[in-house]
Amino acid sequence: MTDSFAVSKRGLSASAKKQVRRAGAVLAALLALVATSSSHLKAQAALRVLGPVDTSILGVHKFPLGIIDETGTSLAPCIDAFGAVPVCLLGSDLPNPGPASIPDNIPGEFFYSVADSEMRNVQDPNGGTPSVAAAFRFGVEASVDPITGAQAFFSRVRTRIKGGLVIGQFYRITHPYGVLEGQAVNVAGRGDLNVTEDLGCPRQRRCPATTTPS
């Protein structure tokens, strides 16, 4: 196997952009809502290979130059080190709109891969009113922490549905990366669903609460 991370800095940057375009194309994602039991199905997103640590692009934080997952897909950090738009950070909590940089202009996390999908008017045929909004996110993320050894690297799958569901009912959300299950809860009289699954979080600390599509 050719080491996909043994590339020039500019090649790595182009790889990151290509990965984002691929993720956007894959996610014409349709959330399938089906009432189900409360059994929990685990999403599978194991990492197979971590690339060498890079310090020239990501500074003192020393995150992997890239990763390869169980399917053989190669991912590079979605941060352009040469001043272009930080393609995976758009809409996030960047301190200022300039180019991303560590440690001065970087949000609480950055992505190696991210895919978002939004829907409106989701409604359970057995009841509920049309939803205000529904959002899905899959991400392979790195939590930026200036303390050496305290950084986190993990995968996250999240769905949030505001309204349209039957309060107390269990739902299964089938998405391009697996399945999430959860129970609709009462929020201001409407049935909402808020389910997040984190894979790879260190037991001694919580993963960060990332920005969710609105």
N, C-alpha and C. Protein backbone atom coordinates (compact mmCIF):
# COMPACT_ATOMS: atom_id res chain seq x y z
N MET A 1 0.84 -1.19 0.00
CA MET A 1 0.00 0.00 0.00
C MET A 1 0.88 1.25 0.00
N THR A 2 0.56 2.21 -0.85
CA THR A 2 1.29 3.47 -0.86
C THR A 2 0.85 4.31 0.33
N ASP A 3 1.81 4.89 1.04
CA ASP A 3 1.48 5.75 2.17
C ASP A 3 0.89 7.04 1.65
N SER A 4 -0.41 7.23 1.81
CA SER A 4 -1.09 8.39 1.25
C SER A 4 -0.71 9.68 1.96
N PHE A 5 0.00 9.57 3.09
CA PHE A 5 0.38 10.77 3.83
C PHE A 5 1.79 11.23 3.47
N ALA A 6 2.51 10.43 2.67
CA ALA A 6 3.86 10.81 2.26
C ALA A 6 3.76 11.72 1.05
N VAL A 7 3.19 12.90 1.25
CA VAL A 7 2.97 13.86 0.17
C VAL A 7 3.52 15.20 0.61
N SER A 8 3.62 16.11 -0.35
CA SER A 8 4.07 17.45 -0.01
C SER A 8 3.01 18.17 0.78
N LYS A 9 3.36 19.28 1.40
CA LYS A 9 2.38 20.04 2.17
C LYS A 9 1.23 20.49 1.28
N ARG A 10 1.56 20.95 0.06
CA ARG A 10 0.50 21.42 -0.82
C ARG A 10 -0.37 20.26 -1.29
N GLY A 11 0.24 19.10 -1.46
CA GLY A 11 -0.54 17.92 -1.83
C GLY A 11 -1.50 17.52 -0.73
N LEU A 12 -1.07 17.64 0.51
CA LEU A 12 -1.92 17.33 1.65
C LEU A 12 -3.11 18.27 1.69
N SER A 13 -2.86 19.56 1.44
CA SER A 13 -3.94 20.54 1.45
C SER A 13 -4.97 20.21 0.38
N ALA A 14 -4.50 19.86 -0.82
CA ALA A 14 -5.42 19.50 -1.90
C ALA A 14 -6.20 18.26 -1.55
N SER A 15 -5.54 17.29 -0.88
CA SER A 15 -6.22 16.07 -0.46
C SER A 15 -7.37 16.38 0.48
N ALA A 16 -7.15 17.31 1.40
CA ALA A 16 -8.21 17.67 2.34
C ALA A 16 -9.40 18.25 1.61
N LYS A 17 -9.15 19.12 0.63
CA LYS A 17 -10.26 19.72 -0.11
C LYS A 17 -11.03 18.67 -0.90
N LYS A 18 -10.29 17.73 -1.50
CA LYS A 18 -10.94 16.67 -2.25
C LYS A 18 -11.83 15.84 -1.36
N GLN A 19 -11.36 15.56 -0.14
CA GLN A 19 -12.16 14.77 0.79
C GLN A 19 -13.45 15.48 1.16
N VAL A 20 -13.39 16.81 1.31
CA VAL A 20 -14.60 17.55 1.65
C VAL A 20 -15.60 17.48 0.52
N ARG A 21 -15.12 17.63 -0.72
CA ARG A 21 -16.03 17.54 -1.87
C ARG A 21 -16.67 16.16 -1.92
N ARG A 22 -15.87 15.12 -1.63
CA ARG A 22 -16.41 13.76 -1.64
C ARG A 22 -17.49 13.59 -0.58
N ALA A 23 -17.23 14.12 0.61
CA ALA A 23 -18.20 14.01 1.69
C ALA A 23 -19.49 14.72 1.33
N GLY A 24 -19.39 15.88 0.69
CA GLY A 24 -20.59 16.60 0.30
C GLY A 24 -21.40 15.84 -0.73
N ALA A 25 -20.70 15.15 -1.65
CA ALA A 25 -21.40 14.40 -2.68
C ALA A 25 -22.10 13.18 -2.09
N VAL A 26 -21.43 12.53 -1.14
CA VAL A 26 -22.01 11.33 -0.52
C VAL A 26 -23.28 11.68 0.23
N LEU A 27 -23.31 12.89 0.84
CA LEU A 27 -24.40 13.18 1.77
C LEU A 27 -25.54 13.92 1.10
N ALA A 28 -26.22 13.22 0.18
CA ALA A 28 -27.56 13.57 -0.18
C ALA A 28 -28.38 12.73 0.77
N ALA A 29 -28.10 12.89 2.07
CA ALA A 29 -28.53 11.94 3.09
C ALA A 29 -30.00 12.09 3.40
N LEU A 30 -30.70 10.98 3.43
CA LEU A 30 -32.11 10.96 3.80
C LEU A 30 -32.24 10.25 5.12
N LEU A 31 -32.83 10.92 6.11
CA LEU A 31 -32.99 10.31 7.42
C LEU A 31 -34.27 9.48 7.42
N ALA A 32 -34.16 8.18 7.61
CA ALA A 32 -35.32 7.31 7.64
C ALA A 32 -35.76 7.14 9.09
N LEU A 33 -36.98 7.62 9.41
CA LEU A 33 -37.49 7.54 10.77
C LEU A 33 -38.44 6.35 10.88
N VAL A 34 -38.13 5.42 11.76
CA VAL A 34 -38.97 4.25 11.95
C VAL A 34 -39.11 4.00 13.44
N ALA A 35 -40.35 3.90 13.93
CA ALA A 35 -40.56 3.57 15.34
C ALA A 35 -39.96 2.20 15.62
N THR A 36 -39.25 2.06 16.73
CA THR A 36 -38.54 0.82 17.00
C THR A 36 -38.43 0.60 18.50
N SER A 37 -37.79 -0.49 18.89
CA SER A 37 -37.56 -0.76 20.30
C SER A 37 -36.40 0.08 20.79
N SER A 38 -36.09 -0.01 22.09
CA SER A 38 -35.06 0.84 22.66
C SER A 38 -33.67 0.21 22.60
N SER A 39 -33.52 -0.92 21.91
CA SER A 39 -32.19 -1.53 21.81
C SER A 39 -31.27 -0.60 21.05
N HIS A 40 -30.00 -0.55 21.46
CA HIS A 40 -29.06 0.42 20.91
C HIS A 40 -28.09 -0.26 19.97
N LEU A 41 -28.05 0.21 18.73
CA LEU A 41 -27.14 -0.35 17.74
C LEU A 41 -25.92 0.54 17.63
N LYS A 42 -24.76 -0.02 17.80
CA LYS A 42 -23.52 0.75 17.78
C LYS A 42 -23.07 1.02 16.34
N ALA A 43 -22.70 2.27 16.07
CA ALA A 43 -22.11 2.62 14.78
C ALA A 43 -20.67 2.12 14.76
N GLN A 44 -20.21 1.73 13.58
CA GLN A 44 -18.85 1.23 13.45
C GLN A 44 -18.02 2.25 12.68
N ALA A 45 -16.98 2.75 13.27
CA ALA A 45 -16.13 3.73 12.61
C ALA A 45 -14.69 3.58 13.10
N ALA A 46 -14.19 2.37 13.10
CA ALA A 46 -12.86 2.11 13.66
C ALA A 46 -11.77 2.67 12.75
N LEU A 47 -10.72 3.15 13.36
CA LEU A 47 -9.57 3.63 12.61
C LEU A 47 -8.57 2.50 12.45
N ARG A 48 -7.94 2.43 11.28
CA ARG A 48 -6.99 1.36 11.01
C ARG A 48 -5.54 1.85 11.11
N VAL A 49 -5.25 3.03 10.58
CA VAL A 49 -3.89 3.54 10.55
C VAL A 49 -3.88 5.01 10.91
N LEU A 50 -2.97 5.42 11.78
CA LEU A 50 -2.73 6.83 12.05
C LEU A 50 -1.43 7.22 11.37
N GLY A 51 -1.46 8.31 10.63
CA GLY A 51 -0.26 8.79 9.97
C GLY A 51 0.70 9.41 10.97
N PRO A 52 1.89 9.78 10.52
CA PRO A 52 2.87 10.40 11.42
C PRO A 52 2.38 11.73 11.95
N VAL A 53 2.85 12.11 13.12
CA VAL A 53 2.48 13.39 13.71
C VAL A 53 3.09 14.52 12.89
N ASP A 54 2.30 15.55 12.66
CA ASP A 54 2.77 16.70 11.91
C ASP A 54 2.87 17.91 12.82
N THR A 55 3.96 18.62 12.75
CA THR A 55 4.12 19.84 13.56
C THR A 55 4.22 21.09 12.70
N SER A 56 4.55 20.94 11.41
CA SER A 56 4.75 22.12 10.57
C SER A 56 3.44 22.79 10.21
N ILE A 57 2.35 22.00 10.10
CA ILE A 57 1.05 22.56 9.73
C ILE A 57 0.21 22.84 10.96
N LEU A 58 0.15 21.90 11.88
CA LEU A 58 -0.73 22.04 13.03
C LEU A 58 0.01 22.45 14.29
N GLY A 59 1.21 22.95 14.13
CA GLY A 59 1.91 23.57 15.24
C GLY A 59 2.17 22.64 16.41
N VAL A 60 2.15 23.20 17.60
CA VAL A 60 2.53 22.46 18.79
C VAL A 60 1.51 21.41 19.21
N HIS A 61 0.36 21.39 18.57
CA HIS A 61 -0.67 20.45 19.00
C HIS A 61 -0.40 19.02 18.53
N LYS A 62 0.38 18.86 17.48
CA LYS A 62 0.91 17.55 17.10
C LYS A 62 -0.18 16.52 16.85
N PHE A 63 -1.10 16.83 15.96
CA PHE A 63 -2.12 15.86 15.55
C PHE A 63 -1.61 15.05 14.37
N PRO A 64 -2.22 13.87 14.11
CA PRO A 64 -1.77 13.04 12.99
C PRO A 64 -1.89 13.78 11.66
N LEU A 65 -0.91 13.54 10.80
CA LEU A 65 -0.91 14.12 9.47
C LEU A 65 -2.07 13.59 8.65
N GLY A 66 -2.55 12.39 8.99
CA GLY A 66 -3.68 11.80 8.29
C GLY A 66 -4.08 10.50 8.95
N ILE A 67 -5.20 9.95 8.52
CA ILE A 67 -5.68 8.67 9.03
C ILE A 67 -6.23 7.84 7.88
N ILE A 68 -6.25 6.53 8.07
CA ILE A 68 -6.91 5.62 7.13
C ILE A 68 -7.90 4.81 7.95
N ASP A 69 -9.16 4.77 7.52
CA ASP A 69 -10.17 4.03 8.27
C ASP A 69 -10.23 2.58 7.81
N GLU A 70 -11.18 1.82 8.37
CA GLU A 70 -11.28 0.39 8.07
C GLU A 70 -11.64 0.11 6.62
N THR A 71 -12.21 1.09 5.93
CA THR A 71 -12.57 0.89 4.52
C THR A 71 -11.42 1.25 3.59
N GLY A 72 -10.31 1.76 4.15
CA GLY A 72 -9.19 2.17 3.33
C GLY A 72 -9.25 3.61 2.87
N THR A 73 -10.26 4.36 3.34
CA THR A 73 -10.39 5.77 2.97
C THR A 73 -9.36 6.61 3.72
N SER A 74 -8.61 7.43 2.99
CA SER A 74 -7.60 8.29 3.60
C SER A 74 -8.19 9.67 3.87
N LEU A 75 -7.90 10.21 5.04
CA LEU A 75 -8.39 11.52 5.43
C LEU A 75 -7.23 12.37 5.91
N ALA A 76 -7.25 13.64 5.53
CA ALA A 76 -6.24 14.59 5.99
C ALA A 76 -6.95 15.72 6.73
N PRO A 77 -6.25 16.45 7.60
CA PRO A 77 -6.90 17.55 8.32
C PRO A 77 -7.48 18.58 7.35
N CYS A 78 -8.70 18.99 7.60
CA CYS A 78 -9.36 19.96 6.72
C CYS A 78 -9.01 21.38 7.14
N ILE A 79 -7.73 21.66 7.18
CA ILE A 79 -7.24 23.01 7.46
C ILE A 79 -6.19 23.31 6.42
N ASP A 80 -6.37 24.41 5.69
CA ASP A 80 -5.41 24.79 4.68
C ASP A 80 -4.32 25.62 5.33
N ALA A 81 -3.12 25.12 5.32
CA ALA A 81 -2.02 25.80 6.01
C ALA A 81 -1.45 26.97 5.22
N PHE A 82 -1.99 27.21 4.03
CA PHE A 82 -1.40 28.23 3.17
C PHE A 82 -2.33 29.41 2.95
N GLY A 83 -3.27 29.63 3.89
CA GLY A 83 -4.04 30.86 3.89
C GLY A 83 -5.35 30.81 3.15
N ALA A 84 -5.72 29.69 2.54
CA ALA A 84 -7.00 29.60 1.84
C ALA A 84 -8.13 29.42 2.85
N VAL A 85 -9.37 29.38 2.35
CA VAL A 85 -10.52 29.22 3.23
C VAL A 85 -10.42 27.89 3.97
N PRO A 86 -10.61 27.88 5.28
CA PRO A 86 -10.59 26.62 6.04
C PRO A 86 -11.87 25.83 5.76
N VAL A 87 -11.83 24.99 4.74
CA VAL A 87 -13.04 24.42 4.16
C VAL A 87 -13.89 23.62 5.13
N CYS A 88 -13.30 23.00 6.14
CA CYS A 88 -14.09 22.21 7.08
C CYS A 88 -14.48 23.01 8.31
N LEU A 89 -14.17 24.29 8.34
CA LEU A 89 -14.47 25.10 9.52
C LEU A 89 -15.51 26.17 9.23
N LEU A 90 -16.03 26.21 8.01
CA LEU A 90 -17.02 27.22 7.68
C LEU A 90 -18.24 27.06 8.57
N GLY A 91 -18.73 28.16 9.13
CA GLY A 91 -19.90 28.10 9.99
C GLY A 91 -19.59 27.68 11.40
N SER A 92 -18.32 27.46 11.72
CA SER A 92 -17.96 27.05 13.08
C SER A 92 -17.60 28.28 13.91
N ASP A 93 -17.05 28.04 15.08
CA ASP A 93 -16.78 29.14 15.99
C ASP A 93 -15.35 29.67 15.87
N LEU A 94 -14.90 29.91 14.63
CA LEU A 94 -13.60 30.53 14.43
C LEU A 94 -13.59 31.89 15.11
N PRO A 95 -12.58 32.21 15.89
CA PRO A 95 -12.54 33.50 16.57
C PRO A 95 -12.62 34.69 15.62
N ASN A 96 -12.02 34.58 14.43
CA ASN A 96 -12.16 35.66 13.45
C ASN A 96 -12.21 35.04 12.05
N PRO A 97 -12.68 35.79 11.05
CA PRO A 97 -12.91 35.20 9.71
C PRO A 97 -11.64 35.00 8.89
N GLY A 98 -10.47 35.30 9.44
CA GLY A 98 -9.24 35.13 8.70
C GLY A 98 -8.84 33.67 8.56
N PRO A 99 -7.70 33.41 7.92
CA PRO A 99 -7.23 32.03 7.76
C PRO A 99 -7.06 31.33 9.11
N ALA A 100 -7.33 30.03 9.13
CA ALA A 100 -7.17 29.26 10.37
C ALA A 100 -5.70 29.20 10.75
N SER A 101 -5.43 29.29 12.04
CA SER A 101 -4.07 29.16 12.54
C SER A 101 -4.13 28.68 13.98
N ILE A 102 -3.11 27.95 14.39
CA ILE A 102 -3.02 27.44 15.75
C ILE A 102 -1.85 28.13 16.44
N PRO A 103 -2.06 28.68 17.65
CA PRO A 103 -3.26 28.53 18.50
C PRO A 103 -4.20 29.72 18.48
N ASP A 104 -3.97 30.72 17.61
CA ASP A 104 -4.69 31.98 17.72
C ASP A 104 -6.06 32.00 17.07
N ASN A 105 -6.26 31.27 15.97
CA ASN A 105 -7.53 31.33 15.26
C ASN A 105 -7.97 29.93 14.86
N ILE A 106 -8.45 29.21 15.83
CA ILE A 106 -8.88 27.83 15.62
C ILE A 106 -10.05 27.57 16.57
N PRO A 107 -11.10 26.89 16.12
CA PRO A 107 -12.22 26.60 17.02
C PRO A 107 -11.86 25.48 17.99
N GLY A 108 -12.84 25.05 18.77
CA GLY A 108 -12.59 24.02 19.77
C GLY A 108 -12.26 22.68 19.18
N GLU A 109 -12.59 22.47 17.90
CA GLU A 109 -12.23 21.24 17.23
C GLU A 109 -12.09 21.51 15.74
N PHE A 110 -11.40 20.61 15.04
CA PHE A 110 -11.37 20.67 13.58
C PHE A 110 -11.60 19.26 13.06
N PHE A 111 -11.89 19.14 11.78
CA PHE A 111 -12.33 17.88 11.21
C PHE A 111 -11.30 17.29 10.24
N TYR A 112 -11.24 15.98 10.23
CA TYR A 112 -10.59 15.25 9.16
C TYR A 112 -11.63 14.87 8.11
N SER A 113 -12.86 14.79 8.50
CA SER A 113 -13.97 14.54 7.58
C SER A 113 -15.24 15.02 8.25
N VAL A 114 -16.13 15.64 7.50
CA VAL A 114 -17.40 16.07 8.06
C VAL A 114 -18.46 16.01 6.97
N ALA A 115 -19.65 15.57 7.33
CA ALA A 115 -20.77 15.49 6.40
C ALA A 115 -22.04 15.91 7.14
N ASP A 116 -22.73 16.89 6.61
CA ASP A 116 -23.94 17.43 7.23
C ASP A 116 -25.13 17.24 6.30
N SER A 117 -26.30 17.08 6.88
CA SER A 117 -27.54 17.03 6.12
C SER A 117 -28.63 17.69 6.93
N GLU A 118 -29.49 18.45 6.27
CA GLU A 118 -30.60 19.13 6.95
C GLU A 118 -31.91 18.82 6.23
N MET A 119 -32.98 18.69 6.99
CA MET A 119 -34.32 18.45 6.45
C MET A 119 -35.32 19.29 7.22
N ARG A 120 -36.45 19.56 6.59
CA ARG A 120 -37.55 20.23 7.27
C ARG A 120 -38.83 19.42 7.06
N ASN A 121 -39.82 19.73 7.86
CA ASN A 121 -41.14 19.08 7.75
C ASN A 121 -41.08 17.57 7.94
N VAL A 122 -40.19 17.12 8.83
CA VAL A 122 -40.19 15.71 9.23
C VAL A 122 -41.42 15.48 10.10
N GLN A 123 -42.15 14.39 9.87
CA GLN A 123 -43.35 14.14 10.67
C GLN A 123 -43.63 12.65 10.77
N ASP A 124 -43.87 12.18 11.98
CA ASP A 124 -44.28 10.80 12.22
C ASP A 124 -45.70 10.64 11.70
N PRO A 125 -45.97 9.65 10.82
CA PRO A 125 -47.33 9.45 10.31
C PRO A 125 -48.34 9.11 11.39
N ASN A 126 -47.87 8.70 12.57
CA ASN A 126 -48.77 8.35 13.66
C ASN A 126 -49.05 9.51 14.60
N GLY A 127 -48.55 10.68 14.28
CA GLY A 127 -48.82 11.84 15.13
C GLY A 127 -47.70 12.84 15.07
N GLY A 128 -47.85 13.90 15.84
CA GLY A 128 -46.84 14.95 15.84
C GLY A 128 -47.14 16.00 14.78
N THR A 129 -46.54 17.15 14.93
CA THR A 129 -46.69 18.22 13.96
C THR A 129 -45.39 18.34 13.17
N PRO A 130 -45.43 18.90 11.95
CA PRO A 130 -44.20 18.99 11.15
C PRO A 130 -43.06 19.63 11.94
N SER A 131 -41.88 19.10 11.77
CA SER A 131 -40.73 19.56 12.55
C SER A 131 -40.30 20.97 12.14
N VAL A 132 -39.68 21.65 13.08
CA VAL A 132 -39.09 22.95 12.80
C VAL A 132 -37.81 22.77 12.00
N ALA A 133 -37.02 21.78 12.38
CA ALA A 133 -35.75 21.51 11.69
C ALA A 133 -35.27 20.12 12.07
N ALA A 134 -34.49 19.52 11.19
CA ALA A 134 -33.85 18.24 11.47
C ALA A 134 -32.46 18.29 10.89
N ALA A 135 -31.47 17.87 11.66
CA ALA A 135 -30.08 17.95 11.20
C ALA A 135 -29.35 16.66 11.55
N PHE A 136 -28.43 16.28 10.66
CA PHE A 136 -27.59 15.10 10.87
C PHE A 136 -26.15 15.49 10.62
N ARG A 137 -25.24 14.97 11.43
CA ARG A 137 -23.82 15.22 11.21
C ARG A 137 -23.01 13.97 11.51
N PHE A 138 -22.04 13.70 10.61
CA PHE A 138 -21.01 12.71 10.89
C PHE A 138 -19.67 13.42 10.79
N GLY A 139 -18.80 13.20 11.75
CA GLY A 139 -17.50 13.84 11.70
C GLY A 139 -16.42 12.98 12.31
N VAL A 140 -15.23 13.06 11.73
CA VAL A 140 -14.02 12.54 12.36
C VAL A 140 -13.27 13.77 12.82
N GLU A 141 -13.12 13.95 14.13
CA GLU A 141 -12.73 15.24 14.69
C GLU A 141 -11.51 15.14 15.59
N ALA A 142 -10.85 16.28 15.74
CA ALA A 142 -9.77 16.42 16.71
C ALA A 142 -10.11 17.57 17.62
N SER A 143 -10.05 17.33 18.92
CA SER A 143 -10.33 18.37 19.90
C SER A 143 -9.05 19.13 20.20
N VAL A 144 -9.07 20.43 19.94
CA VAL A 144 -7.88 21.25 20.14
C VAL A 144 -7.74 21.60 21.61
N ASP A 145 -6.64 21.19 22.20
CA ASP A 145 -6.37 21.47 23.61
C ASP A 145 -4.89 21.80 23.74
N PRO A 146 -4.55 22.96 24.31
CA PRO A 146 -3.14 23.34 24.38
C PRO A 146 -2.30 22.52 25.34
N ILE A 147 -2.94 21.70 26.17
CA ILE A 147 -2.20 20.89 27.14
C ILE A 147 -1.72 19.61 26.47
N THR A 148 -0.43 19.40 26.42
CA THR A 148 0.12 18.20 25.80
C THR A 148 -0.44 16.94 26.44
N GLY A 149 -0.91 16.02 25.61
CA GLY A 149 -1.48 14.78 26.11
C GLY A 149 -2.95 14.85 26.42
N ALA A 150 -3.56 16.04 26.33
CA ALA A 150 -4.98 16.18 26.65
C ALA A 150 -5.85 16.29 25.41
N GLN A 151 -5.24 16.25 24.23
CA GLN A 151 -6.02 16.35 23.01
C GLN A 151 -6.83 15.07 22.79
N ALA A 152 -7.99 15.22 22.15
CA ALA A 152 -8.84 14.07 21.86
C ALA A 152 -9.01 13.93 20.36
N PHE A 153 -9.11 12.70 19.90
CA PHE A 153 -9.31 12.39 18.49
C PHE A 153 -10.41 11.35 18.43
N PHE A 154 -11.53 11.65 17.77
CA PHE A 154 -12.69 10.77 17.88
C PHE A 154 -13.62 10.95 16.69
N SER A 155 -14.59 10.04 16.58
CA SER A 155 -15.65 10.13 15.58
C SER A 155 -16.95 10.46 16.28
N ARG A 156 -17.80 11.22 15.61
CA ARG A 156 -19.09 11.59 16.20
C ARG A 156 -20.19 11.45 15.16
N VAL A 157 -21.31 10.85 15.59
CA VAL A 157 -22.52 10.80 14.78
C VAL A 157 -23.62 11.46 15.60
N ARG A 158 -24.32 12.41 15.02
CA ARG A 158 -25.33 13.15 15.79
C ARG A 158 -26.54 13.46 14.91
N THR A 159 -27.73 13.36 15.52
CA THR A 159 -28.94 13.84 14.86
C THR A 159 -29.77 14.62 15.85
N ARG A 160 -30.36 15.71 15.39
CA ARG A 160 -31.26 16.52 16.20
C ARG A 160 -32.50 16.84 15.37
N ILE A 161 -33.65 16.48 15.90
CA ILE A 161 -34.92 16.74 15.23
C ILE A 161 -35.80 17.53 16.17
N LYS A 162 -36.23 18.70 15.73
CA LYS A 162 -37.05 19.58 16.56
C LYS A 162 -38.49 19.50 16.10
N GLY A 163 -39.27 18.66 16.80
CA GLY A 163 -40.68 18.51 16.48
C GLY A 163 -40.94 17.44 15.44
N GLY A 164 -42.23 17.14 15.23
CA GLY A 164 -42.62 16.17 14.23
C GLY A 164 -42.71 14.74 14.72
N LEU A 165 -42.36 14.49 15.99
CA LEU A 165 -42.32 13.14 16.51
C LEU A 165 -43.31 12.97 17.66
N VAL A 166 -43.60 11.72 17.98
CA VAL A 166 -44.52 11.39 19.07
C VAL A 166 -43.72 11.31 20.36
N ILE A 167 -44.08 12.12 21.34
CA ILE A 167 -43.37 12.15 22.62
C ILE A 167 -43.40 10.76 23.27
N GLY A 168 -42.24 10.27 23.70
CA GLY A 168 -42.15 8.97 24.34
C GLY A 168 -41.89 7.82 23.39
N GLN A 169 -42.04 8.04 22.08
CA GLN A 169 -41.81 6.97 21.11
C GLN A 169 -40.32 6.85 20.80
N PHE A 170 -39.89 5.60 20.52
CA PHE A 170 -38.50 5.36 20.12
C PHE A 170 -38.40 5.40 18.60
N TYR A 171 -37.29 5.95 18.11
CA TYR A 171 -37.08 6.08 16.67
C TYR A 171 -35.71 5.56 16.28
N ARG A 172 -35.64 5.07 15.05
CA ARG A 172 -34.38 4.62 14.47
C ARG A 172 -34.06 5.54 13.30
N ILE A 173 -32.85 6.09 13.32
CA ILE A 173 -32.40 6.96 12.25
C ILE A 173 -31.36 6.20 11.45
N THR A 174 -31.68 5.86 10.21
CA THR A 174 -30.76 5.17 9.33
C THR A 174 -30.04 6.21 8.47
N HIS A 175 -28.72 6.20 8.51
CA HIS A 175 -27.94 7.20 7.80
C HIS A 175 -26.82 6.52 7.02
N PRO A 176 -26.08 7.24 6.20
CA PRO A 176 -25.07 6.58 5.35
C PRO A 176 -23.97 5.85 6.11
N TYR A 177 -23.84 6.09 7.42
CA TYR A 177 -22.75 5.50 8.18
C TYR A 177 -23.22 4.47 9.20
N GLY A 178 -24.52 4.20 9.26
CA GLY A 178 -25.02 3.23 10.23
C GLY A 178 -26.40 3.59 10.73
N VAL A 179 -26.63 3.38 12.03
CA VAL A 179 -27.95 3.56 12.63
C VAL A 179 -27.80 4.24 13.99
N LEU A 180 -28.70 5.16 14.29
CA LEU A 180 -28.83 5.73 15.63
C LEU A 180 -30.24 5.46 16.12
N GLU A 181 -30.39 5.28 17.42
CA GLU A 181 -31.71 5.08 18.01
C GLU A 181 -31.87 5.96 19.24
N GLY A 182 -33.09 6.44 19.44
CA GLY A 182 -33.35 7.26 20.61
C GLY A 182 -34.83 7.50 20.81
N GLN A 183 -35.17 8.10 21.94
CA GLN A 183 -36.55 8.34 22.31
C GLN A 183 -36.88 9.82 22.19
N ALA A 184 -38.03 10.12 21.59
CA ALA A 184 -38.49 11.51 21.48
C ALA A 184 -38.91 12.01 22.85
N VAL A 185 -38.46 13.21 23.19
CA VAL A 185 -38.77 13.80 24.49
C VAL A 185 -39.60 15.06 24.31
N ASN A 186 -40.26 15.46 25.39
CA ASN A 186 -41.12 16.64 25.36
C ASN A 186 -40.29 17.90 25.53
N VAL A 187 -40.29 18.75 24.52
CA VAL A 187 -39.63 20.05 24.58
C VAL A 187 -40.65 21.10 24.16
N ALA A 188 -41.14 21.85 25.15
CA ALA A 188 -42.14 22.90 24.89
C ALA A 188 -43.36 22.33 24.18
N GLY A 189 -43.75 21.10 24.55
CA GLY A 189 -44.95 20.51 23.98
C GLY A 189 -44.77 19.79 22.67
N ARG A 190 -43.57 19.76 22.12
CA ARG A 190 -43.33 19.06 20.86
C ARG A 190 -42.41 17.87 21.11
N GLY A 191 -42.44 16.89 20.20
CA GLY A 191 -41.59 15.72 20.30
C GLY A 191 -40.25 15.94 19.62
N ASP A 192 -39.18 16.02 20.40
CA ASP A 192 -37.84 16.26 19.87
C ASP A 192 -36.96 15.03 20.05
N LEU A 193 -35.99 14.89 19.17
CA LEU A 193 -35.00 13.81 19.28
C LEU A 193 -33.61 14.43 19.22
N ASN A 194 -32.76 14.04 20.16
CA ASN A 194 -31.39 14.56 20.22
C ASN A 194 -30.48 13.40 20.61
N VAL A 195 -29.81 12.81 19.64
CA VAL A 195 -28.99 11.63 19.88
C VAL A 195 -27.58 11.88 19.36
N THR A 196 -26.59 11.64 20.21
CA THR A 196 -25.19 11.78 19.82
C THR A 196 -24.43 10.52 20.23
N GLU A 197 -23.62 10.00 19.34
CA GLU A 197 -22.77 8.86 19.66
C GLU A 197 -21.33 9.22 19.35
N ASP A 198 -20.47 9.17 20.37
CA ASP A 198 -19.05 9.45 20.21
C ASP A 198 -18.26 8.16 20.28
N LEU A 199 -17.32 7.99 19.38
CA LEU A 199 -16.49 6.80 19.34
C LEU A 199 -15.04 7.22 19.51
N GLY A 200 -14.37 6.67 20.49
CA GLY A 200 -12.96 6.95 20.68
C GLY A 200 -12.64 8.02 21.70
N CYS A 201 -13.65 8.49 22.47
CA CYS A 201 -13.38 9.50 23.49
C CYS A 201 -12.64 8.88 24.67
N PRO A 202 -11.61 9.54 25.16
CA PRO A 202 -10.94 9.04 26.37
C PRO A 202 -11.91 8.99 27.54
N ARG A 203 -11.82 7.96 28.35
CA ARG A 203 -12.76 7.81 29.47
C ARG A 203 -12.60 8.92 30.51
N GLN A 204 -11.39 9.48 30.62
CA GLN A 204 -11.15 10.45 31.68
C GLN A 204 -11.66 11.84 31.36
N ARG A 205 -12.15 12.07 30.13
CA ARG A 205 -12.63 13.41 29.82
C ARG A 205 -13.74 13.32 28.77
N ARG A 206 -14.62 14.31 28.79
CA ARG A 206 -15.73 14.35 27.85
C ARG A 206 -15.26 14.92 26.53
N CYS A 207 -15.87 14.44 25.44
CA CYS A 207 -15.59 15.02 24.14
C CYS A 207 -16.28 16.38 24.06
N PRO A 208 -15.76 17.29 23.25
CA PRO A 208 -16.34 18.63 23.18
C PRO A 208 -17.71 18.62 22.53
N ALA A 209 -18.52 19.61 22.86
CA ALA A 209 -19.84 19.77 22.24
C ALA A 209 -19.66 20.56 20.97
N THR A 210 -19.64 19.89 19.83
CA THR A 210 -19.36 20.57 18.58
C THR A 210 -20.56 21.34 18.07
N THR A 211 -20.29 22.28 17.18
CA THR A 211 -21.35 23.07 16.57
C THR A 211 -22.23 22.16 15.74
N THR A 212 -23.54 22.35 15.82
CA THR A 212 -24.50 21.53 15.08
C THR A 212 -25.18 22.38 14.02
N PRO A 213 -25.41 21.83 12.82
CA PRO A 213 -26.10 22.61 11.80
C PRO A 213 -27.43 23.12 12.31
N SER A 214 -27.80 24.33 11.96
CA SER A 214 -29.06 24.91 12.42
C SER A 214 -30.12 24.81 11.34
